[in-house]
Amino acid sequence: MKKPAYHILVCNSFRMAGDAQGACNKKGAPNLLQYIMEETSDRGLDVAVSTTGCLNVCSQGPVIVIHPNNYWYGGVETEDAIDEILDALEEGEACEKYLISE
């Protein structure tokens, strides 16, 4: 398997019991997953997109993490937010507006 240039992790709030019940899930993270996959494909970005269990920053949710940059983004609730983050990624920069850690 060829390693992708980026790996986008989308918190989906799964817990040990398997229930998606946390803040990211309740704030719409599952609805953004398809958009992220389609948008990265449309932009020709070499990206793998995965959902995760709880990333333990619920107050910042929905949360996505982009590796290898180790950019942690919070409050990513809309397609517009995803667009801003992907625009910055294409420019080789972090999207400061949603950045919670790097």
N, C-alpha and C. Protein backbone atom coordinates (compact mmCIF):
# COMPACT_ATOMS: atom_id res chain seq x y z
N MET A 1 0.83 -1.18 0.00
CA MET A 1 0.00 0.00 0.00
C MET A 1 0.88 1.24 0.00
N LYS A 2 0.53 2.18 -0.83
CA LYS A 2 1.24 3.46 -0.86
C LYS A 2 0.73 4.34 0.28
N LYS A 3 1.66 4.89 1.02
CA LYS A 3 1.30 5.77 2.13
C LYS A 3 0.76 7.09 1.57
N PRO A 4 -0.42 7.54 2.04
CA PRO A 4 -0.95 8.82 1.57
C PRO A 4 -0.14 9.99 2.12
N ALA A 5 -0.22 11.11 1.45
CA ALA A 5 0.49 12.31 1.90
C ALA A 5 -0.08 12.82 3.22
N TYR A 6 -1.39 12.68 3.40
CA TYR A 6 -2.06 13.16 4.61
C TYR A 6 -3.04 12.11 5.12
N HIS A 7 -3.25 12.12 6.41
CA HIS A 7 -4.26 11.27 7.04
C HIS A 7 -5.13 12.20 7.88
N ILE A 8 -6.40 12.27 7.53
CA ILE A 8 -7.34 13.11 8.26
C ILE A 8 -8.16 12.22 9.17
N LEU A 9 -8.08 12.50 10.46
CA LEU A 9 -8.84 11.75 11.47
C LEU A 9 -10.02 12.60 11.91
N VAL A 10 -11.20 12.04 11.86
CA VAL A 10 -12.42 12.74 12.25
C VAL A 10 -12.96 12.08 13.51
N CYS A 11 -12.99 12.83 14.61
CA CYS A 11 -13.51 12.27 15.86
C CYS A 11 -14.99 11.96 15.67
N ASN A 12 -15.34 10.72 15.99
CA ASN A 12 -16.74 10.32 15.88
C ASN A 12 -17.28 9.88 17.23
N SER A 13 -16.52 10.16 18.29
CA SER A 13 -16.98 10.00 19.67
C SER A 13 -17.29 8.58 20.10
N PHE A 14 -16.75 7.59 19.42
CA PHE A 14 -16.99 6.22 19.87
C PHE A 14 -16.31 6.00 21.21
N ARG A 15 -16.98 5.31 22.09
CA ARG A 15 -16.46 5.02 23.43
C ARG A 15 -16.16 3.53 23.53
N MET A 16 -15.60 3.12 24.64
CA MET A 16 -15.23 1.72 24.86
C MET A 16 -16.38 0.77 24.56
N ALA A 17 -17.59 1.14 24.90
CA ALA A 17 -18.74 0.28 24.67
C ALA A 17 -19.21 0.33 23.22
N GLY A 18 -18.58 1.18 22.41
CA GLY A 18 -18.92 1.27 21.00
C GLY A 18 -20.00 2.27 20.68
N ASP A 19 -20.51 2.95 21.69
CA ASP A 19 -21.59 3.91 21.45
C ASP A 19 -21.02 5.27 21.04
N ALA A 20 -21.54 5.80 19.95
CA ALA A 20 -21.15 7.15 19.53
C ALA A 20 -22.06 8.12 20.26
N GLN A 21 -21.57 8.72 21.32
CA GLN A 21 -22.44 9.54 22.14
C GLN A 21 -21.85 10.88 22.53
N GLY A 22 -20.63 11.13 22.19
CA GLY A 22 -19.95 12.34 22.64
C GLY A 22 -20.27 13.57 21.82
N ALA A 23 -19.58 14.64 22.17
CA ALA A 23 -19.83 15.96 21.59
C ALA A 23 -19.63 16.00 20.08
N CYS A 24 -18.56 15.42 19.59
CA CYS A 24 -18.29 15.50 18.15
C CYS A 24 -19.40 14.83 17.35
N ASN A 25 -19.84 13.68 17.81
CA ASN A 25 -20.92 12.98 17.13
C ASN A 25 -22.20 13.79 17.17
N LYS A 26 -22.54 14.32 18.33
CA LYS A 26 -23.77 15.09 18.49
C LYS A 26 -23.74 16.41 17.72
N LYS A 27 -22.55 16.93 17.47
CA LYS A 27 -22.41 18.20 16.75
C LYS A 27 -22.24 18.00 15.25
N GLY A 28 -22.44 16.77 14.76
CA GLY A 28 -22.50 16.55 13.32
C GLY A 28 -21.27 16.02 12.63
N ALA A 29 -20.28 15.54 13.36
CA ALA A 29 -19.07 15.02 12.72
C ALA A 29 -19.36 13.93 11.69
N PRO A 30 -20.28 13.00 11.95
CA PRO A 30 -20.54 11.96 10.93
C PRO A 30 -21.02 12.54 9.60
N ASN A 31 -21.75 13.64 9.65
CA ASN A 31 -22.26 14.26 8.43
C ASN A 31 -21.15 14.90 7.61
N LEU A 32 -20.05 15.27 8.24
CA LEU A 32 -18.94 15.91 7.53
C LEU A 32 -18.01 14.91 6.87
N LEU A 33 -18.05 13.68 7.32
CA LEU A 33 -17.12 12.66 6.82
C LEU A 33 -17.21 12.49 5.31
N GLN A 34 -18.41 12.32 4.79
CA GLN A 34 -18.59 12.14 3.34
C GLN A 34 -18.12 13.37 2.58
N TYR A 35 -18.42 14.55 3.12
CA TYR A 35 -17.99 15.79 2.46
C TYR A 35 -16.47 15.87 2.38
N ILE A 36 -15.79 15.52 3.47
CA ILE A 36 -14.32 15.56 3.49
C ILE A 36 -13.76 14.62 2.44
N MET A 37 -14.31 13.40 2.36
CA MET A 37 -13.81 12.43 1.39
C MET A 37 -14.04 12.92 -0.05
N GLU A 38 -15.21 13.46 -0.32
CA GLU A 38 -15.49 13.94 -1.68
C GLU A 38 -14.66 15.16 -2.03
N GLU A 39 -14.54 16.08 -1.09
CA GLU A 39 -13.81 17.33 -1.35
C GLU A 39 -12.32 17.07 -1.55
N THR A 40 -11.73 16.20 -0.75
CA THR A 40 -10.30 15.90 -0.93
C THR A 40 -10.07 15.21 -2.26
N SER A 41 -10.99 14.35 -2.66
CA SER A 41 -10.88 13.68 -3.96
C SER A 41 -11.01 14.69 -5.10
N ASP A 42 -12.01 15.58 -5.00
CA ASP A 42 -12.21 16.61 -6.04
C ASP A 42 -11.00 17.52 -6.18
N ARG A 43 -10.32 17.76 -5.08
CA ARG A 43 -9.14 18.63 -5.09
C ARG A 43 -7.88 17.89 -5.50
N GLY A 44 -7.97 16.57 -5.64
CA GLY A 44 -6.81 15.78 -6.02
C GLY A 44 -5.80 15.62 -4.91
N LEU A 45 -6.24 15.77 -3.67
CA LEU A 45 -5.34 15.60 -2.53
C LEU A 45 -5.13 14.13 -2.25
N ASP A 46 -3.90 13.76 -1.94
CA ASP A 46 -3.55 12.38 -1.60
C ASP A 46 -3.81 12.19 -0.11
N VAL A 47 -5.05 11.79 0.22
CA VAL A 47 -5.52 11.78 1.61
C VAL A 47 -6.23 10.48 1.92
N ALA A 48 -6.00 9.97 3.13
CA ALA A 48 -6.82 8.91 3.71
C ALA A 48 -7.66 9.57 4.79
N VAL A 49 -8.94 9.24 4.86
CA VAL A 49 -9.84 9.81 5.86
C VAL A 49 -10.36 8.68 6.73
N SER A 50 -10.26 8.85 8.05
CA SER A 50 -10.71 7.83 8.99
C SER A 50 -11.49 8.46 10.12
N THR A 51 -12.42 7.71 10.68
CA THR A 51 -13.09 8.15 11.90
C THR A 51 -12.33 7.56 13.08
N THR A 52 -12.47 8.20 14.23
CA THR A 52 -11.79 7.73 15.43
C THR A 52 -12.77 7.62 16.59
N GLY A 53 -12.29 7.04 17.64
CA GLY A 53 -12.99 7.10 18.90
C GLY A 53 -12.82 8.50 19.46
N CYS A 54 -13.27 8.70 20.67
CA CYS A 54 -13.19 10.00 21.33
C CYS A 54 -11.73 10.45 21.43
N LEU A 55 -11.47 11.70 21.04
CA LEU A 55 -10.13 12.27 21.12
C LEU A 55 -9.92 13.08 22.40
N ASN A 56 -10.92 13.08 23.26
CA ASN A 56 -10.83 13.68 24.60
C ASN A 56 -10.65 15.19 24.63
N VAL A 57 -11.16 15.87 23.64
CA VAL A 57 -11.23 17.33 23.66
C VAL A 57 -12.66 17.73 23.28
N CYS A 58 -13.61 17.13 23.98
CA CYS A 58 -15.03 17.27 23.67
C CYS A 58 -15.49 18.73 23.62
N SER A 59 -14.94 19.56 24.49
CA SER A 59 -15.36 20.96 24.53
C SER A 59 -14.99 21.69 23.24
N GLN A 60 -14.09 21.12 22.44
CA GLN A 60 -13.64 21.74 21.20
C GLN A 60 -14.32 21.15 19.96
N GLY A 61 -15.19 20.17 20.13
CA GLY A 61 -15.73 19.40 19.02
C GLY A 61 -16.65 20.16 18.09
N PRO A 62 -16.83 19.61 16.91
CA PRO A 62 -16.17 18.45 16.32
C PRO A 62 -14.69 18.72 16.05
N VAL A 63 -13.91 17.67 16.24
CA VAL A 63 -12.46 17.76 16.12
C VAL A 63 -11.97 16.92 14.95
N ILE A 64 -11.04 17.47 14.17
CA ILE A 64 -10.33 16.68 13.17
C ILE A 64 -8.84 16.90 13.37
N VAL A 65 -8.06 15.88 13.03
CA VAL A 65 -6.61 15.94 13.14
C VAL A 65 -6.02 15.59 11.78
N ILE A 66 -5.04 16.36 11.35
CA ILE A 66 -4.39 16.08 10.06
C ILE A 66 -2.93 15.72 10.33
N HIS A 67 -2.58 14.52 9.89
CA HIS A 67 -1.20 14.04 9.98
C HIS A 67 -0.61 13.99 8.59
N PRO A 68 0.67 14.18 8.38
CA PRO A 68 1.72 14.18 9.39
C PRO A 68 1.94 15.54 10.05
N ASN A 69 1.16 16.55 9.69
CA ASN A 69 1.35 17.89 10.22
C ASN A 69 1.04 18.00 11.71
N ASN A 70 0.22 17.06 12.21
CA ASN A 70 -0.23 17.08 13.60
C ASN A 70 -1.02 18.34 13.93
N TYR A 71 -1.83 18.77 12.96
CA TYR A 71 -2.73 19.91 13.18
C TYR A 71 -4.01 19.38 13.81
N TRP A 72 -4.41 19.95 14.93
CA TRP A 72 -5.66 19.61 15.61
C TRP A 72 -6.60 20.79 15.42
N TYR A 73 -7.75 20.51 14.83
CA TYR A 73 -8.74 21.55 14.57
C TYR A 73 -10.00 21.27 15.37
N GLY A 74 -10.57 22.32 15.95
CA GLY A 74 -11.80 22.19 16.71
C GLY A 74 -12.88 23.12 16.19
N GLY A 75 -14.11 22.83 16.57
CA GLY A 75 -15.24 23.64 16.13
C GLY A 75 -15.51 23.51 14.65
N VAL A 76 -15.17 22.36 14.09
CA VAL A 76 -15.32 22.13 12.65
C VAL A 76 -16.73 21.59 12.41
N GLU A 77 -17.70 22.49 12.30
CA GLU A 77 -19.11 22.10 12.25
C GLU A 77 -19.75 22.24 10.87
N THR A 78 -19.05 22.86 9.92
CA THR A 78 -19.70 23.13 8.63
C THR A 78 -18.78 22.75 7.46
N GLU A 79 -19.40 22.64 6.30
CA GLU A 79 -18.63 22.39 5.08
C GLU A 79 -17.71 23.57 4.79
N ASP A 80 -18.14 24.79 5.12
CA ASP A 80 -17.29 25.97 4.93
C ASP A 80 -16.02 25.86 5.76
N ALA A 81 -16.14 25.35 6.98
CA ALA A 81 -14.95 25.16 7.83
C ALA A 81 -14.00 24.15 7.20
N ILE A 82 -14.55 23.07 6.68
CA ILE A 82 -13.73 22.06 5.99
C ILE A 82 -13.02 22.69 4.81
N ASP A 83 -13.75 23.50 4.03
CA ASP A 83 -13.14 24.17 2.87
C ASP A 83 -11.97 25.05 3.28
N GLU A 84 -12.13 25.81 4.36
CA GLU A 84 -11.06 26.68 4.83
C GLU A 84 -9.83 25.87 5.25
N ILE A 85 -10.08 24.76 5.94
CA ILE A 85 -8.98 23.91 6.39
C ILE A 85 -8.26 23.27 5.21
N LEU A 86 -9.03 22.79 4.22
CA LEU A 86 -8.42 22.17 3.05
C LEU A 86 -7.70 23.20 2.18
N ASP A 87 -8.24 24.43 2.09
CA ASP A 87 -7.55 25.50 1.36
C ASP A 87 -6.17 25.73 1.98
N ALA A 88 -6.12 25.81 3.30
CA ALA A 88 -4.84 26.03 3.99
C ALA A 88 -3.90 24.85 3.77
N LEU A 89 -4.44 23.64 3.82
CA LEU A 89 -3.62 22.45 3.61
C LEU A 89 -2.98 22.48 2.22
N GLU A 90 -3.76 22.87 1.22
CA GLU A 90 -3.23 22.96 -0.15
C GLU A 90 -2.11 24.00 -0.25
N GLU A 91 -2.19 25.02 0.60
CA GLU A 91 -1.17 26.08 0.58
C GLU A 91 0.00 25.74 1.50
N GLY A 92 -0.05 24.57 2.13
CA GLY A 92 1.02 24.14 3.01
C GLY A 92 1.03 24.85 4.35
N GLU A 93 -0.14 25.33 4.76
CA GLU A 93 -0.24 26.09 6.00
C GLU A 93 -1.31 25.50 6.90
N ALA A 94 -1.30 25.93 8.16
CA ALA A 94 -2.38 25.60 9.09
C ALA A 94 -3.49 26.63 8.93
N CYS A 95 -4.71 26.24 9.19
CA CYS A 95 -5.85 27.15 9.20
C CYS A 95 -6.00 27.66 10.63
N GLU A 96 -5.44 28.82 10.90
CA GLU A 96 -5.38 29.35 12.27
C GLU A 96 -6.76 29.49 12.91
N LYS A 97 -7.77 29.77 12.12
CA LYS A 97 -9.12 30.02 12.64
C LYS A 97 -9.66 28.85 13.47
N TYR A 98 -9.33 27.61 13.09
CA TYR A 98 -9.87 26.44 13.77
C TYR A 98 -8.80 25.65 14.54
N LEU A 99 -7.57 26.09 14.46
CA LEU A 99 -6.47 25.37 15.08
C LEU A 99 -6.56 25.42 16.61
N ILE A 100 -6.53 24.24 17.24
CA ILE A 100 -6.54 24.17 18.71
C ILE A 100 -5.20 23.67 19.24
N SER A 101 -4.39 23.09 18.38
CA SER A 101 -3.06 22.60 18.77
C SER A 101 -2.30 22.23 17.51
N GLU A 102 -0.99 22.34 17.57
CA GLU A 102 -0.19 21.88 16.42
C GLU A 102 1.09 21.25 16.86
